[in-house]
Protein backbone atom coordinates (compact mmCIF):
# COMPACT_ATOMS: atom_id res chain seq x y z
CA MET A 1 0.00 0.00 0.00
CA SER A 2 1.51 3.35 -1.05
CA GLU A 3 1.65 6.21 1.43
CA ILE A 4 0.05 9.65 1.17
CA ALA A 5 1.16 12.56 3.34
CA ILE A 6 -1.37 15.35 3.93
CA ILE A 7 0.34 18.49 5.21
CA GLY A 8 -2.18 20.54 7.15
CA ALA A 9 -4.93 19.29 9.46
CA GLY A 10 -7.41 22.11 9.12
CA ALA A 11 -10.95 21.27 8.06
CA TRP A 12 -10.09 20.53 4.43
CA GLY A 13 -6.92 18.56 5.15
CA THR A 14 -8.82 16.49 7.68
CA ALA A 15 -11.69 15.96 5.23
CA LEU A 16 -9.26 14.71 2.57
CA SER A 17 -7.75 12.31 5.08
CA ILE A 18 -11.23 10.95 5.80
CA VAL A 19 -12.18 10.62 2.11
CA LEU A 20 -8.92 8.91 1.15
CA GLY A 21 -8.66 6.91 4.37
CA ARG A 22 -12.17 5.58 3.95
CA ALA A 23 -11.24 4.25 0.50
CA ASN A 24 -8.52 2.18 2.22
CA ARG A 25 -6.17 2.20 -0.76
CA HIS A 26 -3.34 4.01 0.99
CA GLY A 27 -1.79 4.56 4.34
CA ILE A 28 -2.50 8.20 5.19
CA ARG A 29 -0.27 10.40 7.34
CA LEU A 30 -1.78 13.67 8.47
CA TRP A 31 0.66 16.35 9.63
CA THR A 32 -0.75 18.69 12.25
CA TYR A 33 0.76 21.90 13.55
CA GLU A 34 -1.13 21.79 16.84
CA GLN A 35 -0.26 19.15 19.43
CA GLU A 36 -3.87 19.21 20.65
CA VAL A 37 -5.14 18.29 17.18
CA CYS A 38 -2.68 15.42 16.90
CA GLU A 39 -3.75 14.07 20.29
CA SER A 40 -7.45 14.47 19.49
CA ILE A 41 -7.09 12.40 16.32
CA ALA A 42 -4.81 9.78 17.86
CA GLN A 43 -6.92 9.28 20.98
CA ARG A 44 -10.50 9.92 19.81
CA ARG A 45 -10.25 9.67 16.00
CA VAL A 46 -11.82 13.13 15.65
CA ASN A 47 -10.35 16.54 14.90
CA GLU A 48 -12.28 18.37 17.59
CA LYS A 49 -10.80 21.78 16.75
CA PHE A 50 -11.31 21.98 12.99
CA LEU A 51 -13.79 19.25 11.94
CA PRO A 52 -15.70 18.03 15.00
CA GLY A 53 -18.14 15.15 14.70
CA GLN A 54 -16.45 13.45 11.75
CA GLN A 55 -14.83 10.08 12.42
CA ILE A 56 -11.31 9.71 11.05
CA PRO A 57 -10.45 6.20 9.78
CA ALA A 58 -7.82 4.11 11.52
CA THR A 59 -5.75 4.20 8.30
CA VAL A 60 -4.97 7.87 9.07
CA ALA A 61 -1.93 8.39 11.30
CA PRO A 62 -1.52 11.91 12.75
CA SER A 63 1.92 13.38 13.37
CA ILE A 64 3.45 16.71 14.35
CA ASP A 65 6.80 15.68 12.81
CA LEU A 66 7.27 16.62 9.13
CA ALA A 67 10.00 14.03 8.61
CA GLU A 68 7.80 11.29 10.03
CA ALA A 69 4.77 12.42 8.03
CA THR A 70 6.59 12.56 4.68
CA ALA A 71 8.90 9.54 5.02
CA GLY A 72 8.42 7.29 2.00
CA ALA A 73 5.29 9.12 0.81
CA GLY A 74 4.63 8.76 -2.91
CA ILE A 75 2.12 11.62 -2.87
CA VAL A 76 2.22 14.75 -0.71
CA ILE A 77 -0.92 16.89 -0.50
CA SER A 78 -0.34 20.42 0.79
CA VAL A 79 -3.38 21.91 2.52
CA MET A 80 -1.76 24.52 4.74
CA PRO A 81 -2.83 28.19 4.72
CA SER A 82 -1.24 29.97 1.77
CA GLN A 83 1.00 32.22 3.87
CA HIS A 84 2.64 29.16 5.47
CA CYS A 85 3.25 27.32 2.19
CA ARG A 86 6.74 28.64 1.49
CA GLY A 87 8.06 28.06 5.00
CA LEU A 88 6.75 24.52 5.27
CA PHE A 89 8.10 23.48 1.88
CA GLU A 90 11.48 24.93 2.79
CA GLN A 91 11.42 22.55 5.77
CA MET A 92 10.24 19.64 3.61
CA ARG A 93 12.67 20.22 0.74
CA PRO A 94 15.40 17.88 2.06
CA LEU A 95 12.80 15.29 3.05
CA LEU A 96 11.10 14.72 -0.31
CA ASP A 97 12.16 12.06 -2.76
CA PRO A 98 12.58 13.17 -6.42
CA GLU A 99 9.84 10.68 -7.38
CA THR A 100 7.32 12.29 -5.03
CA VAL A 101 4.19 13.83 -6.54
CA VAL A 102 3.03 17.04 -4.82
CA VAL A 103 -0.60 18.16 -5.05
CA SER A 104 -1.51 21.61 -3.77
CA ALA A 105 -5.03 21.90 -2.37
CA THR A 106 -4.55 25.37 -0.90
CA LYS A 107 -6.83 28.03 -2.43
CA GLY A 108 -4.87 31.23 -2.12
CA LEU A 109 -2.09 33.49 -3.39
CA GLU A 110 1.13 34.37 -1.60
CA GLU A 111 0.57 37.93 -0.46
CA ASN A 112 4.00 39.44 -1.06
CA SER A 113 5.11 37.61 -4.20
CA LEU A 114 1.60 37.33 -5.79
CA LEU A 115 2.48 33.74 -6.74
CA ARG A 116 0.10 30.81 -7.01
CA MET A 117 0.80 27.92 -4.64
CA THR A 118 2.28 25.61 -7.28
CA GLU A 119 4.58 28.47 -8.28
CA VAL A 120 5.70 28.89 -4.67
CA ILE A 121 6.28 25.15 -4.31
CA SER A 122 8.17 24.95 -7.60
CA GLN A 123 10.34 27.89 -6.62
CA VAL A 124 11.23 26.32 -3.27
CA LEU A 125 11.80 22.79 -4.57
CA ASP A 126 13.79 23.70 -7.69
CA THR A 127 17.07 22.91 -6.00
CA GLY A 128 19.08 19.96 -4.72
CA ARG A 129 17.60 16.47 -4.47
CA SER A 130 14.05 17.79 -4.74
CA ARG A 131 14.57 19.27 -8.21
CA GLY A 132 12.13 17.91 -10.79
CA ILE A 133 9.33 16.87 -8.41
CA LYS A 134 5.99 16.83 -10.23
CA ILE A 135 3.42 19.31 -8.94
CA GLY A 136 -0.34 19.64 -9.55
CA ALA A 137 -3.27 21.59 -8.11
CA LEU A 138 -6.54 20.26 -6.68
CA SER A 139 -9.54 22.60 -6.53
CA GLY A 140 -13.29 22.78 -6.94
CA PRO A 141 -16.55 23.22 -4.98
CA SER A 142 -15.87 21.28 -1.81
CA PHE A 143 -16.97 22.20 1.68
CA ALA A 144 -14.89 20.07 4.03
CA LEU A 145 -17.78 18.93 6.22
CA GLU A 146 -19.86 17.73 3.28
CA ALA A 147 -16.97 15.86 1.65
CA ALA A 148 -16.07 14.24 4.98
CA ARG A 149 -19.58 12.96 5.62
CA GLY A 150 -19.69 11.40 2.14
CA ASP A 151 -21.86 13.83 0.18
CA PRO A 152 -21.16 13.46 -3.58
CA THR A 153 -18.39 15.94 -4.37
CA ALA A 154 -16.62 16.73 -7.67
CA VAL A 155 -13.28 18.52 -7.93
CA THR A 156 -10.56 18.89 -10.55
CA VAL A 157 -6.83 18.21 -10.57
CA ALA A 158 -4.74 20.37 -12.88
CA SER A 159 -1.24 20.12 -14.28
CA HIS A 160 0.58 20.47 -17.56
CA ASP A 161 1.65 16.86 -16.91
CA ALA A 162 -1.17 14.60 -18.12
CA GLU A 163 0.41 11.57 -16.43
CA LEU A 164 0.20 13.31 -13.06
CA THR A 165 -3.46 14.27 -13.42
CA LEU A 166 -4.43 10.75 -14.52
CA LYS A 167 -2.53 9.27 -11.57
CA ILE A 168 -4.33 11.52 -9.07
CA GLN A 169 -7.68 10.85 -10.75
CA GLN A 170 -7.16 7.12 -10.40
CA GLU A 171 -5.76 7.22 -6.88
CA PHE A 172 -8.22 9.69 -5.33
CA SER A 173 -11.57 8.94 -6.99
CA THR A 174 -14.21 7.20 -4.88
CA ALA A 175 -17.96 6.63 -5.12
CA SER A 176 -18.52 9.98 -3.33
CA PHE A 177 -15.45 11.93 -4.48
CA ARG A 178 -15.19 12.40 -8.24
CA ILE A 179 -11.99 13.78 -9.79
CA TYR A 180 -11.85 15.47 -13.19
CA THR A 181 -8.57 16.24 -14.95
CA ASN A 182 -7.58 19.64 -16.28
CA ALA A 183 -4.58 20.91 -18.25
CA ASP A 184 -4.88 24.53 -17.06
CA PRO A 185 -3.27 24.88 -13.60
CA ILE A 186 -3.19 28.69 -13.95
CA GLY A 187 -6.96 28.90 -14.35
CA VAL A 188 -7.70 26.25 -11.75
CA GLU A 189 -5.51 27.84 -9.08
CA LEU A 190 -6.55 31.41 -9.76
CA GLY A 191 -10.20 30.39 -9.83
CA GLY A 192 -9.87 28.71 -6.45
CA ALA A 193 -8.15 31.76 -4.97
CA LEU A 194 -10.12 34.62 -6.52
CA LYS A 195 -13.56 33.23 -5.76
CA ASN A 196 -12.86 33.75 -2.06
CA THR A 197 -12.81 37.52 -2.56
CA ILE A 198 -16.13 37.42 -4.41
CA ALA A 199 -17.54 35.25 -1.62
CA ILE A 200 -16.60 37.95 0.90
CA ALA A 201 -18.51 40.42 -1.28
CA ALA A 202 -21.52 38.09 -1.36
CA GLY A 203 -21.41 37.94 2.41
CA VAL A 204 -21.31 41.73 2.57
CA CYS A 205 -24.50 41.80 0.49
CA ALA A 206 -26.18 39.43 2.93
CA GLY A 207 -24.94 41.40 5.93
CA LEU A 208 -26.36 44.59 4.43
CA GLY A 209 -29.73 42.87 4.02
CA LEU A 210 -29.63 42.87 0.22
CA GLY A 211 -31.55 40.25 -1.74
CA HIS A 212 -31.02 37.65 -4.44
CA ASN A 213 -30.79 40.20 -7.27
CA SER A 214 -27.68 41.69 -5.72
CA VAL A 215 -25.97 38.34 -5.15
CA ALA A 216 -26.78 37.10 -8.65
CA ALA A 217 -25.29 40.25 -10.16
CA LEU A 218 -22.24 39.94 -7.92
CA ILE A 219 -21.58 36.30 -8.85
CA THR A 220 -21.96 37.01 -12.57
CA ARG A 221 -19.75 40.09 -12.67
CA GLY A 222 -17.35 38.51 -10.20
CA LEU A 223 -16.89 35.61 -12.61
CA ALA A 224 -16.24 38.11 -15.40
CA GLU A 225 -13.41 39.82 -13.55
CA MET A 226 -11.95 36.51 -12.42
CA THR A 227 -11.91 35.39 -16.04
CA ARG A 228 -10.18 38.58 -17.18
CA LEU A 229 -7.33 38.02 -14.75
CA VAL A 230 -7.03 34.31 -15.53
CA VAL A 231 -6.68 35.04 -19.25
CA ALA A 232 -4.21 37.86 -18.62
CA CYS A 233 -2.07 35.45 -16.60
CA GLY A 234 -2.06 32.83 -19.36
CA GLY A 235 -4.96 30.66 -18.24
CA GLN A 236 -8.02 29.63 -20.24
CA ALA A 237 -11.38 31.38 -20.08
CA GLU A 238 -13.10 27.99 -20.43
CA THR A 239 -11.69 26.89 -17.08
CA MET A 240 -13.82 29.53 -15.37
CA ALA A 241 -16.96 27.75 -16.60
CA GLY A 242 -15.87 24.59 -14.78
CA LEU A 243 -15.58 23.24 -11.26
CA ALA A 244 -12.70 25.49 -10.16
CA GLY A 245 -14.41 28.58 -11.56
CA LEU A 246 -18.19 28.84 -11.61
CA GLY A 247 -18.69 25.73 -9.46
CA ASP A 248 -16.55 26.91 -6.57
CA LEU A 249 -17.74 30.51 -6.95
CA VAL A 250 -21.42 29.60 -6.59
CA LEU A 251 -20.67 27.35 -3.62
CA THR A 252 -18.71 29.90 -1.62
CA CYS A 253 -21.00 32.82 -2.47
CA THR A 254 -24.20 31.05 -1.41
CA GLY A 255 -23.27 28.29 1.05
CA GLY A 256 -23.60 28.80 4.78
CA LEU A 257 -20.39 26.83 5.44
CA SER A 258 -18.23 29.36 3.58
CA ARG A 259 -15.81 31.07 5.97
CA ASN A 260 -15.13 33.83 3.43
CA ARG A 261 -18.83 34.56 2.99
CA GLY A 262 -19.10 34.57 6.78
CA VAL A 263 -16.39 37.22 7.07
CA GLY A 264 -18.23 39.36 4.52
CA PHE A 265 -21.52 38.91 6.35
CA GLU A 266 -20.04 40.23 9.58
CA LEU A 267 -18.43 43.15 7.73
CA GLY A 268 -21.79 43.99 6.20
CA ARG A 269 -23.32 44.02 9.68
CA GLY A 270 -20.75 46.62 10.74
CA ASN A 271 -18.28 44.47 12.67
CA LYS A 272 -14.54 45.12 12.39
CA LEU A 273 -12.17 42.71 10.66
CA PRO A 274 -9.82 42.08 13.65
CA ASP A 275 -12.81 41.14 15.81
CA ILE A 276 -14.23 38.89 13.09
CA LEU A 277 -10.94 37.04 12.62
CA ALA A 278 -10.43 36.67 16.38
CA ALA A 279 -13.84 35.02 16.66
CA MET A 280 -12.81 32.38 14.09
CA HIS A 281 -10.51 30.72 16.67
CA GLY A 282 -7.69 29.78 14.33
CA THR A 283 -9.64 28.88 11.20
CA VAL A 284 -8.59 30.76 8.07
CA ALA A 285 -10.56 32.78 5.53
CA GLU A 286 -8.08 32.81 2.64
CA GLY A 287 -9.89 35.64 0.87
CA VAL A 288 -8.67 38.21 3.39
CA SER A 289 -5.04 37.98 2.30
CA THR A 290 -5.80 36.83 -1.26
CA THR A 291 -7.74 40.04 -1.92
CA THR A 292 -4.60 42.15 -1.44
CA ALA A 293 -2.58 39.82 -3.67
CA ALA A 294 -5.32 39.79 -6.31
CA VAL A 295 -5.37 43.59 -6.47
CA GLY A 296 -1.60 43.63 -6.89
CA LEU A 297 -1.70 40.94 -9.58
CA ALA A 298 -4.50 42.74 -11.45
CA ARG A 299 -2.58 46.01 -11.45
CA ALA A 300 0.58 44.27 -12.63
CA ARG A 301 -1.37 42.73 -15.52
CA GLY A 302 -3.42 45.84 -16.32
CA VAL A 303 -6.73 44.13 -15.52
CA GLU A 304 -9.81 45.92 -14.18
CA MET A 305 -11.30 44.16 -11.14
CA PRO A 306 -13.79 46.56 -9.51
CA ILE A 307 -15.37 44.11 -7.07
CA THR A 308 -12.00 42.90 -5.84
CA GLU A 309 -10.77 46.49 -5.46
CA GLN A 310 -13.80 47.47 -3.40
CA MET A 311 -13.38 44.40 -1.17
CA ASP A 312 -9.75 45.38 -0.61
CA ALA A 313 -10.92 48.87 0.37
CA ILE A 314 -13.39 47.40 2.88
CA LEU A 315 -11.01 44.80 4.30
CA HIS A 316 -7.83 46.81 4.55
CA HIS A 317 -8.64 50.52 4.20
CA GLY A 318 -11.69 51.01 6.39
CA LYS A 319 -14.22 51.70 3.64
CA ALA A 320 -17.88 51.38 4.61
CA PRO A 321 -19.51 48.39 2.87
CA ARG A 322 -22.54 50.39 1.77
CA ASP A 323 -20.29 53.03 0.18
CA ALA A 324 -18.43 50.30 -1.71
CA MET A 325 -21.67 48.86 -3.07
CA TYR A 326 -22.82 52.33 -4.13
CA GLU A 327 -19.60 52.91 -6.05
CA LEU A 328 -19.91 49.56 -7.83
CA MET A 329 -23.45 50.41 -8.94
CA THR A 330 -22.64 53.95 -10.10
CA ARG A 331 -19.58 53.19 -12.18
CA SER A 332 -19.61 54.34 -15.81
CA GLY A 333 -21.75 52.22 -18.11
CA LYS A 334 -20.24 49.05 -19.62
CA SER A 335 -21.11 46.60 -22.36
CA GLU A 336 -21.39 42.96 -21.46
CA THR A 337 -20.46 41.82 -24.97
CA ILE A 338 -17.06 43.50 -25.37
CA ARG A 339 -15.15 41.12 -23.15
CA PRO A 340 -15.87 38.82 -20.18
């Protein structure tokens, strides 16, 4: 039985360990940062902090030691928050075998460099014995709780390496977890990251008491600006009509389990960002940092992203949510048919 190492025991990392552990095709090692999480899984088979109530199979072995977690693993899945990606892979670099396949399941951008996660990983690993490791990206509409309890879930794995995507499709697919392959990692990763900002905006609408018209408009125009940036970065517009684009966008903009939508909802109600984040007790809403990176990336590429810019103004510059919505609605007239 081949080994899989999952690096990050938040809700989504834990859910993946449950999905893959339940299939019983692999030994699963789940690296946790928190000692309390490791003990909770080892002793009670539940991650009480990040995914309470979901039984973790006995095939999943928790560890707080990166060397122990990655030893002999044929596949490493990175599910850490985006801002910890670089540091953790710097620690793992001497531990990974050149034959290892790395799959990034983190939906975010590195704030300072504006890089996608596979770009960060490639940059870190392109040296020494780890040079040449194959890297892909896993994304799509997937609330951790629903995937963990066995609700039918479909995601996509993307890489320029068709052999890698087929391998992950074969190894990860189950009766409740369907994997599609995709040759556009740029679009898949950017879609997974950018939709979090639009989900914050959808939450703002809900917090302001706005109705379905507002959210429908936001999702549609949010998808348009996501597509513009994807294409400008070399991705494919068609990817945004798929699981990592429209699918994930609709889920996070409308689903009650979305942490990013939840942050927006509290902002819309007038609460302050530091208080909102403190109340999340260690869980991460990737859209908060991704919004800043997305604005920087859009400016570098000369792409107009009005919703993202207004969310950045709300999140990081103290703008009132209702003022931001007013500015979005009173912008100069546009044509929908000129470009996405």
